Amino acid sequence: MSGNPRRFDHPIMAWEGAGLLMPSVVRCAKLVTLERSTVHRILGRLGRNELARVSGLLRQALAM
């Protein structure tokens, strides 16, 4: 993870438990859409607490 955290960023604390290969961050203010056919595999899964935090940040980012 590089750079300074932004307002709607969530650094994934349990990144190893989520199945990620390295420390990662969810950027809720930088959304991208993909065609399902371009997704080849799941990179990881967030735990319940982190998913709740990301969901809250996403709601805040979309309300702006």
PDB file of N, CA and C in Angstrom:
ATOM      1  N   MET A   1       0.857  -1.166   0.000  1.00  0.00           N
ATOM      2  CA  MET A   1       0.000   0.000   0.000  1.00  0.00           C
ATOM      3  C   MET A   1       0.903   1.229   0.000  1.00  0.00           C
ATOM      4  N   SER A   2       0.676   2.107  -0.951  1.00  0.00           N
ATOM      5  CA  SER A   2       1.530   3.280  -1.030  1.00  0.00           C
ATOM      6  C   SER A   2       0.695   4.556  -0.987  1.00  0.00           C
ATOM      7  N   GLY A   3       1.363   5.654  -0.728  1.00  0.00           N
ATOM      8  CA  GLY A   3       0.696   6.940  -0.710  1.00  0.00           C
ATOM      9  C   GLY A   3      -0.016   7.209   0.598  1.00  0.00           C
ATOM     10  N   ASN A   4      -0.579   8.386   0.677  1.00  0.00           N
ATOM     11  CA  ASN A   4      -1.315   8.790   1.869  1.00  0.00           C
ATOM     12  C   ASN A   4      -2.762   8.343   1.762  1.00  0.00           C
ATOM     13  N   PRO A   5      -3.340   7.874   2.866  1.00  0.00           N
ATOM     14  CA  PRO A   5      -4.751   7.488   2.818  1.00  0.00           C
ATOM     15  C   PRO A   5      -5.632   8.684   2.491  1.00  0.00           C
ATOM     16  N   ARG A   6      -6.673   8.437   1.742  1.00  0.00           N
ATOM     17  CA  ARG A   6      -7.618   9.481   1.380  1.00  0.00           C
ATOM     18  C   ARG A   6      -8.871   9.333   2.232  1.00  0.00           C
ATOM     19  N   ARG A   7      -9.740  10.310   2.140  1.00  0.00           N
ATOM     20  CA  ARG A   7     -10.931  10.362   2.997  1.00  0.00           C
ATOM     21  C   ARG A   7     -11.769   9.083   2.934  1.00  0.00           C
ATOM     22  N   PHE A   8     -11.971   8.540   1.762  1.00  0.00           N
ATOM     23  CA  PHE A   8     -12.840   7.369   1.613  1.00  0.00           C
ATOM     24  C   PHE A   8     -12.047   6.082   1.363  1.00  0.00           C
ATOM     25  N   ASP A   9     -10.833   6.029   1.845  1.00  0.00           N
ATOM     26  CA  ASP A   9     -10.004   4.819   1.750  1.00  0.00           C
ATOM     27  C   ASP A   9     -10.178   3.966   2.995  1.00  0.00           C
ATOM     28  N   HIS A  10     -10.099   2.666   2.812  1.00  0.00           N
ATOM     29  CA  HIS A  10     -10.107   1.744   3.946  1.00  0.00           C
ATOM     30  C   HIS A  10      -8.957   0.762   3.781  1.00  0.00           C
ATOM     31  N   PRO A  11      -7.874   0.940   4.559  1.00  0.00           N
ATOM     32  CA  PRO A  11      -6.790  -0.044   4.524  1.00  0.00           C
ATOM     33  C   PRO A  11      -7.294  -1.366   5.106  1.00  0.00           C
ATOM     34  N   ILE A  12      -7.087  -2.447   4.421  1.00  0.00           N
ATOM     35  CA  ILE A  12      -7.554  -3.751   4.875  1.00  0.00           C
ATOM     36  C   ILE A  12      -6.571  -4.270   5.920  1.00  0.00           C
ATOM     37  N   MET A  13      -7.039  -4.316   7.164  1.00  0.00           N
ATOM     38  CA  MET A  13      -6.177  -4.720   8.269  1.00  0.00           C
ATOM     39  C   MET A  13      -5.877  -6.220   8.234  1.00  0.00           C
ATOM     40  N   ALA A  14      -6.897  -7.000   7.973  1.00  0.00           N
ATOM     41  CA  ALA A  14      -6.736  -8.465   7.970  1.00  0.00           C
ATOM     42  C   ALA A  14      -6.531  -8.951   6.537  1.00  0.00           C
ATOM     43  N   TRP A  15      -5.574  -8.347   5.836  1.00  0.00           N
ATOM     44  CA  TRP A  15      -5.393  -8.655   4.419  1.00  0.00           C
ATOM     45  C   TRP A  15      -4.973 -10.107   4.181  1.00  0.00           C
ATOM     46  N   GLU A  16      -4.173 -10.667   5.073  1.00  0.00           N
ATOM     47  CA  GLU A  16      -3.782 -12.072   4.904  1.00  0.00           C
ATOM     48  C   GLU A  16      -4.983 -12.996   5.107  1.00  0.00           C
ATOM     49  N   GLY A  17      -5.776 -12.714   6.133  1.00  0.00           N
ATOM     50  CA  GLY A  17      -6.973 -13.498   6.392  1.00  0.00           C
ATOM     51  C   GLY A  17      -8.009 -13.366   5.284  1.00  0.00           C
ATOM     52  N   ALA A  18      -7.966 -12.250   4.551  1.00  0.00           N
ATOM     53  CA  ALA A  18      -8.878 -12.038   3.431  1.00  0.00           C
ATOM     54  C   ALA A  18      -8.420 -12.787   2.183  1.00  0.00           C
ATOM     55  N   GLY A  19      -7.206 -13.356   2.248  1.00  0.00           N
ATOM     56  CA  GLY A  19      -6.680 -14.098   1.108  1.00  0.00           C
ATOM     57  C   GLY A  19      -5.895 -13.246   0.125  1.00  0.00           C
ATOM     58  N   LEU A  20      -5.561 -12.014   0.527  1.00  0.00           N
ATOM     59  CA  LEU A  20      -4.802 -11.126  -0.356  1.00  0.00           C
ATOM     60  C   LEU A  20      -3.311 -11.414  -0.236  1.00  0.00           C
ATOM     61  N   LEU A  21      -2.575 -11.095  -1.278  1.00  0.00           N
ATOM     62  CA  LEU A  21      -1.140 -11.385  -1.306  1.00  0.00           C
ATOM     63  C   LEU A  21      -0.291 -10.308  -0.652  1.00  0.00           C
ATOM     64  N   MET A  22      -0.852  -9.112  -0.498  1.00  0.00           N
ATOM     65  CA  MET A  22      -0.100  -8.000   0.095  1.00  0.00           C
ATOM     66  C   MET A  22      -1.056  -7.001   0.720  1.00  0.00           C
ATOM     67  N   PRO A  23      -0.543  -6.114   1.575  1.00  0.00           N
ATOM     68  CA  PRO A  23      -1.408  -5.081   2.160  1.00  0.00           C
ATOM     69  C   PRO A  23      -2.140  -4.322   1.055  1.00  0.00           C
ATOM     70  N   SER A  24      -3.422  -4.083   1.274  1.00  0.00           N
ATOM     71  CA  SER A  24      -4.267  -3.481   0.245  1.00  0.00           C
ATOM     72  C   SER A  24      -5.189  -2.437   0.852  1.00  0.00           C
ATOM     73  N   VAL A  25      -5.778  -1.645  -0.023  1.00  0.00           N
ATOM     74  CA  VAL A  25      -6.709  -0.605   0.404  1.00  0.00           C
ATOM     75  C   VAL A  25      -7.908  -0.613  -0.535  1.00  0.00           C
ATOM     76  N   VAL A  26      -9.097  -0.374   0.033  1.00  0.00           N
ATOM     77  CA  VAL A  26     -10.305  -0.206  -0.767  1.00  0.00           C
ATOM     78  C   VAL A  26     -10.501   1.287  -0.937  1.00  0.00           C
ATOM     79  N   ARG A  27     -10.585   1.744  -2.167  1.00  0.00           N
ATOM     80  CA  ARG A  27     -10.793   3.165  -2.462  1.00  0.00           C
ATOM     81  C   ARG A  27     -12.248   3.370  -2.850  1.00  0.00           C
ATOM     82  N   CYS A  28     -13.062   3.786  -1.899  1.00  0.00           N
ATOM     83  CA  CYS A  28     -14.503   3.912  -2.121  1.00  0.00           C
ATOM     84  C   CYS A  28     -14.877   5.089  -3.010  1.00  0.00           C
ATOM     85  N   ALA A  29     -13.986   6.040  -3.185  1.00  0.00           N
ATOM     86  CA  ALA A  29     -14.276   7.196  -4.030  1.00  0.00           C
ATOM     87  C   ALA A  29     -13.759   6.997  -5.455  1.00  0.00           C
ATOM     88  N   LYS A  30     -13.205   5.819  -5.740  1.00  0.00           N
ATOM     89  CA  LYS A  30     -12.681   5.545  -7.082  1.00  0.00           C
ATOM     90  C   LYS A  30     -13.287   4.220  -7.559  1.00  0.00           C
ATOM     91  N   LEU A  31     -14.468   4.327  -8.160  1.00  0.00           N
ATOM     92  CA  LEU A  31     -15.202   3.145  -8.574  1.00  0.00           C
ATOM     93  C   LEU A  31     -14.926   2.825 -10.041  1.00  0.00           C
ATOM     94  N   VAL A  32     -14.945   1.545 -10.338  1.00  0.00           N
ATOM     95  CA  VAL A  32     -14.748   1.057 -11.702  1.00  0.00           C
ATOM     96  C   VAL A  32     -15.765  -0.041 -11.946  1.00  0.00           C
ATOM     97  N   THR A  33     -16.315  -0.086 -13.136  1.00  0.00           N
ATOM     98  CA  THR A  33     -17.193  -1.194 -13.496  1.00  0.00           C
ATOM     99  C   THR A  33     -16.474  -2.079 -14.509  1.00  0.00           C
ATOM    100  N   LEU A  34     -16.744  -3.366 -14.415  1.00  0.00           N
ATOM    101  CA  LEU A  34     -16.119  -4.347 -15.305  1.00  0.00           C
ATOM    102  C   LEU A  34     -17.169  -5.267 -15.873  1.00  0.00           C
ATOM    103  N   GLU A  35     -16.958  -5.709 -17.082  1.00  0.00           N
ATOM    104  CA  GLU A  35     -17.782  -6.773 -17.629  1.00  0.00           C
ATOM    105  C   GLU A  35     -17.441  -8.045 -16.864  1.00  0.00           C
ATOM    106  N   ARG A  36     -18.432  -8.824 -16.539  1.00  0.00           N
ATOM    107  CA  ARG A  36     -18.213 -10.061 -15.787  1.00  0.00           C
ATOM    108  C   ARG A  36     -17.184 -10.948 -16.482  1.00  0.00           C
ATOM    109  N   SER A  37     -17.163 -10.952 -17.787  1.00  0.00           N
ATOM    110  CA  SER A  37     -16.248 -11.816 -18.535  1.00  0.00           C
ATOM    111  C   SER A  37     -14.777 -11.417 -18.362  1.00  0.00           C
ATOM    112  N   THR A  38     -14.517 -10.195 -17.887  1.00  0.00           N
ATOM    113  CA  THR A  38     -13.131  -9.767 -17.695  1.00  0.00           C
ATOM    114  C   THR A  38     -12.580 -10.173 -16.327  1.00  0.00           C
ATOM    115  N   VAL A  39     -13.456 -10.640 -15.439  1.00  0.00           N
ATOM    116  CA  VAL A  39     -13.028 -11.074 -14.111  1.00  0.00           C
ATOM    117  C   VAL A  39     -12.688 -12.561 -14.182  1.00  0.00           C
ATOM    118  N   HIS A  40     -11.426 -12.885 -13.910  1.00  0.00           N
ATOM    119  CA  HIS A  40     -10.961 -14.259 -14.053  1.00  0.00           C
ATOM    120  C   HIS A  40     -10.948 -15.038 -12.735  1.00  0.00           C
ATOM    121  N   ARG A  41     -10.819 -14.325 -11.612  1.00  0.00           N
ATOM    122  CA  ARG A  41     -10.815 -15.013 -10.328  1.00  0.00           C
ATOM    123  C   ARG A  41     -11.080 -14.017  -9.208  1.00  0.00           C
ATOM    124  N   ILE A  42     -11.429 -14.537  -8.049  1.00  0.00           N
ATOM    125  CA  ILE A  42     -11.631 -13.720  -6.853  1.00  0.00           C
ATOM    126  C   ILE A  42     -10.274 -13.547  -6.181  1.00  0.00           C
ATOM    127  N   LEU A  43      -9.940 -12.323  -5.850  1.00  0.00           N
ATOM    128  CA  LEU A  43      -8.641 -12.047  -5.229  1.00  0.00           C
ATOM    129  C   LEU A  43      -8.663 -12.242  -3.720  1.00  0.00           C
ATOM    130  N   GLY A  44      -9.810 -12.031  -3.098  1.00  0.00           N
ATOM    131  CA  GLY A  44      -9.920 -12.164  -1.648  1.00  0.00           C
ATOM    132  C   GLY A  44     -11.331 -11.859  -1.203  1.00  0.00           C
ATOM    133  N   ARG A  45     -11.570 -12.033   0.087  1.00  0.00           N
ATOM    134  CA  ARG A  45     -12.893 -11.765   0.665  1.00  0.00           C
ATOM    135  C   ARG A  45     -12.706 -11.019   1.980  1.00  0.00           C
ATOM    136  N   LEU A  46     -13.450  -9.922   2.119  1.00  0.00           N
ATOM    137  CA  LEU A  46     -13.383  -9.156   3.354  1.00  0.00           C
ATOM    138  C   LEU A  46     -14.205  -9.819   4.444  1.00  0.00           C
ATOM    139  N   GLY A  47     -13.736  -9.690   5.677  1.00  0.00           N
ATOM    140  CA  GLY A  47     -14.495 -10.152   6.831  1.00  0.00           C
ATOM    141  C   GLY A  47     -15.675  -9.226   7.082  1.00  0.00           C
ATOM    142  N   ARG A  48     -16.567  -9.662   7.937  1.00  0.00           N
ATOM    143  CA  ARG A  48     -17.805  -8.920   8.216  1.00  0.00           C
ATOM    144  C   ARG A  48     -17.547  -7.491   8.685  1.00  0.00           C
ATOM    145  N   ASN A  49     -16.628  -7.289   9.630  1.00  0.00           N
ATOM    146  CA  ASN A  49     -16.364  -5.944  10.164  1.00  0.00           C
ATOM    147  C   ASN A  49     -15.794  -5.015   9.103  1.00  0.00           C
ATOM    148  N   GLU A  50     -14.834  -5.510   8.342  1.00  0.00           N
ATOM    149  CA  GLU A  50     -14.241  -4.660   7.310  1.00  0.00           C
ATOM    150  C   GLU A  50     -15.242  -4.376   6.189  1.00  0.00           C
ATOM    151  N   LEU A  51     -16.058  -5.347   5.855  1.00  0.00           N
ATOM    152  CA  LEU A  51     -17.079  -5.137   4.830  1.00  0.00           C
ATOM    153  C   LEU A  51     -18.077  -4.075   5.277  1.00  0.00           C
ATOM    154  N   ALA A  52     -18.443  -4.085   6.557  1.00  0.00           N
ATOM    155  CA  ALA A  52     -19.362  -3.070   7.090  1.00  0.00           C
ATOM    156  C   ALA A  52     -18.730  -1.679   7.007  1.00  0.00           C
ATOM    157  N   ARG A  53     -17.452  -1.583   7.328  1.00  0.00           N
ATOM    158  CA  ARG A  53     -16.757  -0.284   7.255  1.00  0.00           C
ATOM    159  C   ARG A  53     -16.688   0.214   5.813  1.00  0.00           C
ATOM    160  N   VAL A  54     -16.357  -0.677   4.882  1.00  0.00           N
ATOM    161  CA  VAL A  54     -16.293  -0.310   3.467  1.00  0.00           C
ATOM    162  C   VAL A  54     -17.685   0.122   2.968  1.00  0.00           C
ATOM    163  N   SER A  55     -18.699  -0.588   3.377  1.00  0.00           N
ATOM    164  CA  SER A  55     -20.062  -0.252   2.971  1.00  0.00           C
ATOM    165  C   SER A  55     -20.442   1.155   3.445  1.00  0.00           C
ATOM    166  N   GLY A  56     -20.084   1.493   4.679  1.00  0.00           N
ATOM    167  CA  GLY A  56     -20.355   2.824   5.205  1.00  0.00           C
ATOM    168  C   GLY A  56     -19.596   3.899   4.452  1.00  0.00           C
ATOM    169  N   LEU A  57     -18.329   3.653   4.157  1.00  0.00           N
ATOM    170  CA  LEU A  57     -17.536   4.622   3.408  1.00  0.00           C
ATOM    171  C   LEU A  57     -18.071   4.805   1.993  1.00  0.00           C
ATOM    172  N   LEU A  58     -18.521   3.715   1.391  1.00  0.00           N
ATOM    173  CA  LEU A  58     -19.082   3.793   0.045  1.00  0.00           C
ATOM    174  C   LEU A  58     -20.354   4.634   0.036  1.00  0.00           C
ATOM    175  N   ARG A  59     -21.190   4.427   1.044  1.00  0.00           N
ATOM    176  CA  ARG A  59     -22.417   5.253   1.148  1.00  0.00           C
ATOM    177  C   ARG A  59     -22.070   6.738   1.278  1.00  0.00           C
ATOM    178  N   GLN A  60     -21.058   7.042   2.091  1.00  0.00           N
ATOM    179  CA  GLN A  60     -20.641   8.434   2.268  1.00  0.00           C
ATOM    180  C   GLN A  60     -20.101   9.009   0.960  1.00  0.00           C
ATOM    181  N   ALA A  61     -19.282   8.247   0.269  1.00  0.00           N
ATOM    182  CA  ALA A  61     -18.678   8.721  -0.978  1.00  0.00           C
ATOM    183  C   ALA A  61     -19.745   8.976  -2.042  1.00  0.00           C
ATOM    184  N   LEU A  62     -20.739   8.100  -2.116  1.00  0.00           N
ATOM    185  CA  LEU A  62     -21.782   8.258  -3.125  1.00  0.00           C
ATOM    186  C   LEU A  62     -22.742   9.381  -2.791  1.00  0.00           C
ATOM    187  N   ALA A  63     -22.817   9.776  -1.523  1.00  0.00           N
ATOM    188  CA  ALA A  63     -23.723  10.858  -1.115  1.00  0.00           C
ATOM    189  C   ALA A  63     -23.165  12.226  -1.446  1.00  0.00           C
ATOM    190  N   MET A  64     -21.910  12.301  -1.806  1.00  0.00           N
ATOM    191  CA  MET A  64     -21.287  13.606  -2.078  1.00  0.00           C
ATOM    192  C   MET A  64     -21.653  14.124  -3.433  1.00  0.00           C
TER     193      MET A  64
END
